[in-house]
PDB file of N, CA and C in Angstrom:
ATOM      1  N   UNK A   1      48.432  67.522 142.255  1.00  0.00           N
ATOM      2  CA  UNK A   1      48.931  66.716 143.256  1.00  0.00           C
ATOM      3  C   UNK A   1      49.352  65.626 141.869  1.00  0.00           C
ATOM      4  N   UNK A   2      50.511  64.594 142.096  1.00  0.00           N
ATOM      5  CA  UNK A   2      51.582  64.311 141.636  1.00  0.00           C
ATOM      6  C   UNK A   2      51.336  62.577 141.761  1.00  0.00           C
ATOM      7  N   UNK A   3      50.788  61.918 141.207  1.00  0.00           N
ATOM      8  CA  UNK A   3      51.141  60.696 141.959  1.00  0.00           C
ATOM      9  C   UNK A   3      52.109  59.769 141.031  1.00  0.00           C
ATOM     10  N   UNK A   4      53.548  58.864 141.499  1.00  0.00           N
ATOM     11  CA  UNK A   4      53.972  58.033 140.806  1.00  0.00           C
ATOM     12  C   UNK A   4      54.505  57.477 141.671  1.00  0.00           C
ATOM     13  N   UNK A   5      55.100  55.759 141.019  1.00  0.00           N
ATOM     14  CA  UNK A   5      55.739  54.844 141.591  1.00  0.00           C
ATOM     15  C   UNK A   5      57.214  55.781 142.082  1.00  0.00           C
ATOM     16  N   UNK A   6      57.501  54.805 143.528  1.00  0.00           N
ATOM     17  CA  UNK A   6      58.519  55.351 143.965  1.00  0.00           C
ATOM     18  C   UNK A   6      60.006  54.444 143.854  1.00  0.00           C
ATOM     19  N   UNK A   7      60.447  54.475 142.565  1.00  0.00           N
ATOM     20  CA  UNK A   7      61.333  53.379 142.114  1.00  0.00           C
ATOM     21  C   UNK A   7      62.595  53.368 143.115  1.00  0.00           C
ATOM     22  N   UNK A   8      62.857  52.179 143.050  1.00  0.00           N
ATOM     23  CA  UNK A   8      64.293  51.089 144.265  1.00  0.00           C
ATOM     24  C   UNK A   8      63.733  51.338 145.698  1.00  0.00           C
ATOM     25  N   UNK A   9      62.145  50.895 145.850  1.00  0.00           N
ATOM     26  CA  UNK A   9      62.309  50.989 147.349  1.00  0.00           C
ATOM     27  C   UNK A   9      62.118  49.747 147.611  1.00  0.00           C
ATOM     28  N   UNK A  10      63.121  49.190 148.656  1.00  0.00           N
ATOM     29  CA  UNK A  10      62.477  47.399 148.663  1.00  0.00           C
ATOM     30  C   UNK A  10      62.467  47.595 149.918  1.00  0.00           C
ATOM     31  N   UNK A  11      62.486  48.234 151.216  1.00  0.00           N
ATOM     32  CA  UNK A  11      62.121  48.499 152.569  1.00  0.00           C
ATOM     33  C   UNK A  11      61.284  49.818 152.797  1.00  0.00           C
ATOM     34  N   UNK A  12      60.496  49.000 154.180  1.00  0.00           N
ATOM     35  CA  UNK A  12      59.574  50.183 154.432  1.00  0.00           C
ATOM     36  C   UNK A  12      60.718  51.956 155.045  1.00  0.00           C
ATOM     37  N   UNK A  13      61.660  51.607 155.224  1.00  0.00           N
ATOM     38  CA  UNK A  13      62.681  52.658 155.494  1.00  0.00           C
ATOM     39  C   UNK A  13      62.947  53.586 154.399  1.00  0.00           C
ATOM     40  N   UNK A  14      62.712  52.813 153.758  1.00  0.00           N
ATOM     41  CA  UNK A  14      63.765  53.777 152.322  1.00  0.00           C
ATOM     42  C   UNK A  14      61.834  54.156 151.671  1.00  0.00           C
ATOM     43  N   UNK A  15      60.914  53.892 151.812  1.00  0.00           N
ATOM     44  CA  UNK A  15      59.390  54.113 151.576  1.00  0.00           C
ATOM     45  C   UNK A  15      59.206  55.569 152.316  1.00  0.00           C
ATOM     46  N   UNK A  16      59.323  55.630 153.811  1.00  0.00           N
ATOM     47  CA  UNK A  16      59.503  56.821 154.775  1.00  0.00           C
ATOM     48  C   UNK A  16      60.089  57.837 154.582  1.00  0.00           C
ATOM     49  N   UNK A  17      61.217  57.460 153.769  1.00  0.00           N
ATOM     50  CA  UNK A  17      62.638  58.523 153.585  1.00  0.00           C
ATOM     51  C   UNK A  17      62.091  59.219 152.277  1.00  0.00           C
ATOM     52  N   UNK A  18      61.532  59.130 151.105  1.00  0.00           N
ATOM     53  CA  UNK A  18      61.085  58.762 150.375  1.00  0.00           C
ATOM     54  C   UNK A  18      59.830  60.063 150.643  1.00  0.00           C
ATOM     55  N   UNK A  19      59.115  59.123 151.475  1.00  0.00           N
ATOM     56  CA  UNK A  19      57.248  60.295 151.476  1.00  0.00           C
ATOM     57  C   UNK A  19      58.159  61.435 152.264  1.00  0.00           C
ATOM     58  N   UNK A  20      58.469  61.271 153.553  1.00  0.00           N
ATOM     59  CA  UNK A  20      59.696  62.762 154.297  1.00  0.00           C
ATOM     60  C   UNK A  20      59.798  63.443 152.822  1.00  0.00           C
ATOM     61  N   UNK A  21      60.485  63.152 152.030  1.00  0.00           N
ATOM     62  CA  UNK A  21      61.396  64.099 151.170  1.00  0.00           C
ATOM     63  C   UNK A  21      59.798  64.972 150.384  1.00  0.00           C
ATOM     64  N   UNK A  22      58.779  64.841 150.240  1.00  0.00           N
ATOM     65  CA  UNK A  22      58.151  65.619 149.902  1.00  0.00           C
ATOM     66  C   UNK A  22      57.748  66.859 150.420  1.00  0.00           C
ATOM     67  N   UNK A  23      58.359  66.990 151.536  1.00  0.00           N
ATOM     68  CA  UNK A  23      58.204  68.511 152.765  1.00  0.00           C
ATOM     69  C   UNK A  23      59.738  69.471 152.200  1.00  0.00           C
ATOM     70  N   UNK A  24      60.384  68.762 151.762  1.00  0.00           N
ATOM     71  CA  UNK A  24      61.667  69.664 151.346  1.00  0.00           C
ATOM     72  C   UNK A  24      61.951  70.725 150.423  1.00  0.00           C
ATOM     73  N   UNK A  25      61.990  71.779 150.429  1.00  0.00           N
ATOM     74  CA  UNK A  25      61.805  72.838 149.480  1.00  0.00           C
ATOM     75  C   UNK A  25      63.516  73.439 148.940  1.00  0.00           C
ATOM     76  N   UNK A  26      63.465  73.453 147.970  1.00  0.00           N
ATOM     77  CA  UNK A  26      64.529  73.940 147.458  1.00  0.00           C
ATOM     78  C   UNK A  26      64.790  75.620 147.171  1.00  0.00           C
ATOM     79  N   UNK A  27      65.696  75.875 147.287  1.00  0.00           N
ATOM     80  CA  UNK A  27      65.919  77.791 146.287  1.00  0.00           C
ATOM     81  C   UNK A  27      65.943  76.930 145.155  1.00  0.00           C
ATOM     82  N   UNK A  28      66.343  78.434 144.565  1.00  0.00           N
ATOM     83  CA  UNK A  28      66.281  78.318 143.119  1.00  0.00           C
ATOM     84  C   UNK A  28      67.632  77.558 142.411  1.00  0.00           C
ATOM     85  N   UNK A  29      68.482  77.914 143.232  1.00  0.00           N
ATOM     86  CA  UNK A  29      70.018  77.429 143.589  1.00  0.00           C
ATOM     87  C   UNK A  29      69.886  76.168 143.229  1.00  0.00           C
ATOM     88  N   UNK A  30      69.628  75.764 144.233  1.00  0.00           N
ATOM     89  CA  UNK A  30      69.461  74.108 144.209  1.00  0.00           C
ATOM     90  C   UNK A  30      68.659  73.367 143.539  1.00  0.00           C
ATOM     91  N   UNK A  31      67.632  74.207 143.184  1.00  0.00           N
ATOM     92  CA  UNK A  31      66.693  73.065 141.755  1.00  0.00           C
ATOM     93  C   UNK A  31      67.434  73.192 140.501  1.00  0.00           C
ATOM     94  N   UNK A  32      68.476  74.363 140.309  1.00  0.00           N
ATOM     95  CA  UNK A  32      68.948  74.428 139.370  1.00  0.00           C
ATOM     96  C   UNK A  32      70.134  73.582 139.161  1.00  0.00           C
ATOM     97  N   UNK A  33      70.922  73.472 140.163  1.00  0.00           N
ATOM     98  CA  UNK A  33      72.135  72.655 140.290  1.00  0.00           C
ATOM     99  C   UNK A  33      71.697  71.243 140.130  1.00  0.00           C
ATOM    100  N   UNK A  34      70.683  70.614 140.615  1.00  0.00           N
ATOM    101  CA  UNK A  34      70.590  69.317 140.450  1.00  0.00           C
ATOM    102  C   UNK A  34      69.408  68.929 138.613  1.00  0.00           C
ATOM    103  N   UNK A  35      69.154  69.993 138.145  1.00  0.00           N
ATOM    104  CA  UNK A  35      68.081  69.943 136.978  1.00  0.00           C
ATOM    105  C   UNK A  35      69.634  69.943 135.876  1.00  0.00           C
ATOM    106  N   UNK A  36      70.946  70.796 136.260  1.00  0.00           N
ATOM    107  CA  UNK A  36      72.110  70.594 135.158  1.00  0.00           C
ATOM    108  C   UNK A  36      72.035  69.458 134.427  1.00  0.00           C
ATOM    109  N   UNK A  37      72.484  68.761 134.959  1.00  0.00           N
ATOM    110  CA  UNK A  37      72.823  66.996 134.265  1.00  0.00           C
ATOM    111  C   UNK A  37      72.153  66.966 133.163  1.00  0.00           C
ATOM    112  N   UNK A  38      70.619  67.725 133.478  1.00  0.00           N
ATOM    113  CA  UNK A  38      69.335  66.730 132.700  1.00  0.00           C
ATOM    114  C   UNK A  38      68.792  67.373 131.378  1.00  0.00           C
ATOM    115  N   UNK A  39      69.359  69.197 131.032  1.00  0.00           N
ATOM    116  CA  UNK A  39      69.475  69.386 130.543  1.00  0.00           C
ATOM    117  C   UNK A  39      69.597  69.109 129.131  1.00  0.00           C
ATOM    118  N   UNK A  40      69.353  69.373 127.999  1.00  0.00           N
ATOM    119  CA  UNK A  40      69.233  69.068 126.928  1.00  0.00           C
ATOM    120  C   UNK A  40      70.272  68.511 125.838  1.00  0.00           C
ATOM    121  N   UNK A  41      71.105  68.504 125.234  1.00  0.00           N
ATOM    122  CA  UNK A  41      72.705  68.293 124.319  1.00  0.00           C
ATOM    123  C   UNK A  41      72.524  68.052 123.388  1.00  0.00           C
ATOM    124  N   UNK A  42      73.769  68.575 122.630  1.00  0.00           N
ATOM    125  CA  UNK A  42      73.775  67.737 121.382  1.00  0.00           C
ATOM    126  C   UNK A  42      73.958  66.139 121.295  1.00  0.00           C
ATOM    127  N   UNK A  43      73.344  65.354 121.481  1.00  0.00           N
ATOM    128  CA  UNK A  43      73.914  63.864 120.855  1.00  0.00           C
ATOM    129  C   UNK A  43      75.249  63.207 120.706  1.00  0.00           C
ATOM    130  N   UNK A  44      76.658  63.239 121.519  1.00  0.00           N
ATOM    131  CA  UNK A  44      77.734  62.894 120.849  1.00  0.00           C
ATOM    132  C   UNK A  44      77.513  61.341 119.713  1.00  0.00           C
ATOM    133  N   UNK A  45      78.342  61.500 119.208  1.00  0.00           N
ATOM    134  CA  UNK A  45      78.979  60.402 118.697  1.00  0.00           C
ATOM    135  C   UNK A  45      79.384  59.004 119.549  1.00  0.00           C
ATOM    136  N   UNK A  46      78.874  57.649 118.767  1.00  0.00           N
ATOM    137  CA  UNK A  46      79.250  56.643 120.143  1.00  0.00           C
ATOM    138  C   UNK A  46      79.151  55.654 119.092  1.00  0.00           C
ATOM    139  N   UNK A  47      80.167  54.155 119.388  1.00  0.00           N
ATOM    140  CA  UNK A  47      79.784  53.337 118.790  1.00  0.00           C
ATOM    141  C   UNK A  47      78.519  52.371 119.342  1.00  0.00           C
ATOM    142  N   UNK A  48      77.689  53.124 120.290  1.00  0.00           N
ATOM    143  CA  UNK A  48      76.922  52.254 120.872  1.00  0.00           C
ATOM    144  C   UNK A  48      75.509  52.927 119.944  1.00  0.00           C
ATOM    145  N   UNK A  49      75.707  53.803 119.432  1.00  0.00           N
ATOM    146  CA  UNK A  49      74.520  54.538 118.232  1.00  0.00           C
ATOM    147  C   UNK A  49      74.915  54.212 117.353  1.00  0.00           C
ATOM    148  N   UNK A  50      74.750  53.600 116.059  1.00  0.00           N
ATOM    149  CA  UNK A  50      75.198  53.177 115.256  1.00  0.00           C
ATOM    150  C   UNK A  50      74.295  54.260 114.305  1.00  0.00           C
ATOM    151  N   UNK A  51      75.213  54.603 113.628  1.00  0.00           N
ATOM    152  CA  UNK A  51      75.753  56.078 112.711  1.00  0.00           C
ATOM    153  C   UNK A  51      75.589  57.245 113.279  1.00  0.00           C
ATOM    154  N   UNK A  52      75.534  57.453 114.343  1.00  0.00           N
ATOM    155  CA  UNK A  52      75.567  58.248 115.197  1.00  0.00           C
ATOM    156  C   UNK A  52      76.616  59.267 114.781  1.00  0.00           C
ATOM    157  N   UNK A  53      77.479  59.190 113.843  1.00  0.00           N
ATOM    158  CA  UNK A  53      78.639  59.545 113.293  1.00  0.00           C
ATOM    159  C   UNK A  53      78.566  60.383 112.504  1.00  0.00           C
ATOM    160  N   UNK A  54      77.357  60.061 111.476  1.00  0.00           N
ATOM    161  CA  UNK A  54      76.720  60.792 110.583  1.00  0.00           C
ATOM    162  C   UNK A  54      76.634  62.105 110.443  1.00  0.00           C
ATOM    163  N   UNK A  55      76.499  62.711 111.986  1.00  0.00           N
ATOM    164  CA  UNK A  55      76.654  64.459 111.979  1.00  0.00           C
ATOM    165  C   UNK A  55      74.930  64.387 112.369  1.00  0.00           C
ATOM    166  N   UNK A  56      74.916  66.287 112.950  1.00  0.00           N
ATOM    167  CA  UNK A  56      73.888  65.903 113.772  1.00  0.00           C
ATOM    168  C   UNK A  56      72.203  65.574 113.340  1.00  0.00           C
ATOM    169  N   UNK A  57      71.841  65.339 113.928  1.00  0.00           N
ATOM    170  CA  UNK A  57      70.078  64.678 113.921  1.00  0.00           C
ATOM    171  C   UNK A  57      69.398  65.509 114.655  1.00  0.00           C
ATOM    172  N   UNK A  58      67.869  65.548 114.186  1.00  0.00           N
ATOM    173  CA  UNK A  58      67.046  66.272 115.074  1.00  0.00           C
ATOM    174  C   UNK A  58      66.222  64.911 115.681  1.00  0.00           C
ATOM    175  N   UNK A  59      65.531  65.631 116.897  1.00  0.00           N
ATOM    176  CA  UNK A  59      65.047  64.635 117.811  1.00  0.00           C
ATOM    177  C   UNK A  59      63.607  65.127 117.405  1.00  0.00           C
ATOM    178  N   UNK A  60      62.517  64.077 116.821  1.00  0.00           N
ATOM    179  CA  UNK A  60      61.101  64.325 116.554  1.00  0.00           C
ATOM    180  C   UNK A  60      60.482  64.296 118.218  1.00  0.00           C
ATOM    181  N   UNK A  61      60.673  63.921 118.676  1.00  0.00           N
ATOM    182  CA  UNK A  61      59.372  64.281 120.335  1.00  0.00           C
ATOM    183  C   UNK A  61      59.997  62.985 121.413  1.00  0.00           C
ATOM    184  N   UNK A  62      59.217  63.002 121.929  1.00  0.00           N
ATOM    185  CA  UNK A  62      59.163  61.663 123.813  1.00  0.00           C
ATOM    186  C   UNK A  62      59.409  60.295 122.892  1.00  0.00           C
ATOM    187  N   UNK A  63      59.358  59.811 121.776  1.00  0.00           N
ATOM    188  CA  UNK A  63      59.890  58.774 120.818  1.00  0.00           C
ATOM    189  C   UNK A  63      60.714  58.343 120.440  1.00  0.00           C
ATOM    190  N   UNK A  64      61.909  59.819 120.488  1.00  0.00           N
ATOM    191  CA  UNK A  64      63.160  59.889 120.613  1.00  0.00           C
ATOM    192  C   UNK A  64      63.452  58.955 118.947  1.00  0.00           C
ATOM    193  N   UNK A  65      63.226  59.165 118.251  1.00  0.00           N
ATOM    194  CA  UNK A  65      63.268  58.969 116.871  1.00  0.00           C
ATOM    195  C   UNK A  65      64.137  60.077 115.986  1.00  0.00           C
ATOM    196  N   UNK A  66      64.870  58.919 115.365  1.00  0.00           N
ATOM    197  CA  UNK A  66      65.547  60.260 114.541  1.00  0.00           C
ATOM    198  C   UNK A  66      65.445  60.514 112.976  1.00  0.00           C
ATOM    199  N   UNK A  67      65.771  61.717 112.365  1.00  0.00           N
ATOM    200  CA  UNK A  67      65.287  61.497 111.347  1.00  0.00           C
ATOM    201  C   UNK A  67      66.484  61.577 110.269  1.00  0.00           C
ATOM    202  N   UNK A  68      66.047  61.949 108.849  1.00  0.00           N
ATOM    203  CA  UNK A  68      67.437  62.445 108.229  1.00  0.00           C
ATOM    204  C   UNK A  68      68.297  63.491 108.585  1.00  0.00           C
ATOM    205  N   UNK A  69      69.869  63.241 108.025  1.00  0.00           N
ATOM    206  CA  UNK A  69      71.063  64.262 108.488  1.00  0.00           C
ATOM    207  C   UNK A  69      70.480  65.686 108.353  1.00  0.00           C
ATOM    208  N   UNK A  70      70.710  66.576 109.078  1.00  0.00           N
ATOM    209  CA  UNK A  70      70.432  67.701 109.376  1.00  0.00           C
ATOM    210  C   UNK A  70      71.395  68.180 107.668  1.00  0.00           C
ATOM    211  N   UNK A  71      70.864  68.899 106.390  1.00  0.00           N
ATOM    212  CA  UNK A  71      71.279  69.464 105.418  1.00  0.00           C
ATOM    213  C   UNK A  71      72.615  69.812 105.497  1.00  0.00           C
ATOM    214  N   UNK A  72      73.513  70.098 104.666  1.00  0.00           N
ATOM    215  CA  UNK A  72      74.818  70.353 104.729  1.00  0.00           C
ATOM    216  C   UNK A  72      75.544  69.790 105.846  1.00  0.00           C
ATOM    217  N   UNK A  73      75.623  68.790 106.759  1.00  0.00           N
ATOM    218  CA  UNK A  73      76.507  67.330 106.857  1.00  0.00           C
ATOM    219  C   UNK A  73      76.558  66.486 106.380  1.00  0.00           C
ATOM    220  N   UNK A  74      78.201  65.956 106.724  1.00  0.00           N
ATOM    221  CA  UNK A  74      78.141  64.387 105.756  1.00  0.00           C
ATOM    222  C   UNK A  74      76.892  63.560 106.566  1.00  0.00           C
ATOM    223  N   UNK A  75      76.524  63.179 104.831  1.00  0.00           N
ATOM    224  CA  UNK A  75      76.015  62.022 105.470  1.00  0.00           C
ATOM    225  C   UNK A  75      76.699  60.539 105.623  1.00  0.00           C
ATOM    226  N   UNK A  76      75.448  59.527 105.794  1.00  0.00           N
ATOM    227  CA  UNK A  76      76.543  58.223 105.819  1.00  0.00           C
ATOM    228  C   UNK A  76      77.413  57.617 104.874  1.00  0.00           C
ATOM    229  N   UNK A  77      76.559  57.700 103.680  1.00  0.00           N
ATOM    230  CA  UNK A  77      77.033  56.980 102.566  1.00  0.00           C
ATOM    231  C   UNK A  77      78.603  57.516 102.028  1.00  0.00           C
ATOM    232  N   UNK A  78      79.194  59.106 102.046  1.00  0.00           N
ATOM    233  CA  UNK A  78      79.764  59.896 101.753  1.00  0.00           C
ATOM    234  C   UNK A  78      81.181  59.566 103.278  1.00  0.00           C
ATOM    235  N   UNK A  79      80.922  58.759 104.404  1.00  0.00           N
ATOM    236  CA  UNK A  79      82.111  58.077 105.403  1.00  0.00           C
ATOM    237  C   UNK A  79      82.302  57.157 104.924  1.00  0.00           C
TER     238      UNK A  79
END
């Protein structure tokens, strides 16, 4: 059994719809289609991520902390 809050529900009808969705079964193709946008990808450089253009970095875990640039890639001090 999995329990979690239903985020965004503000009306009883929305709650009923969410509960009814528990009985929906997806085939493998449908599940893959829905999961595709959430696949892990290499982070892209962005002005919102300071230092993101310094090169690829490794994600350490659920906290999404970043460690030193991967060896062989440009460092922030060389840019």
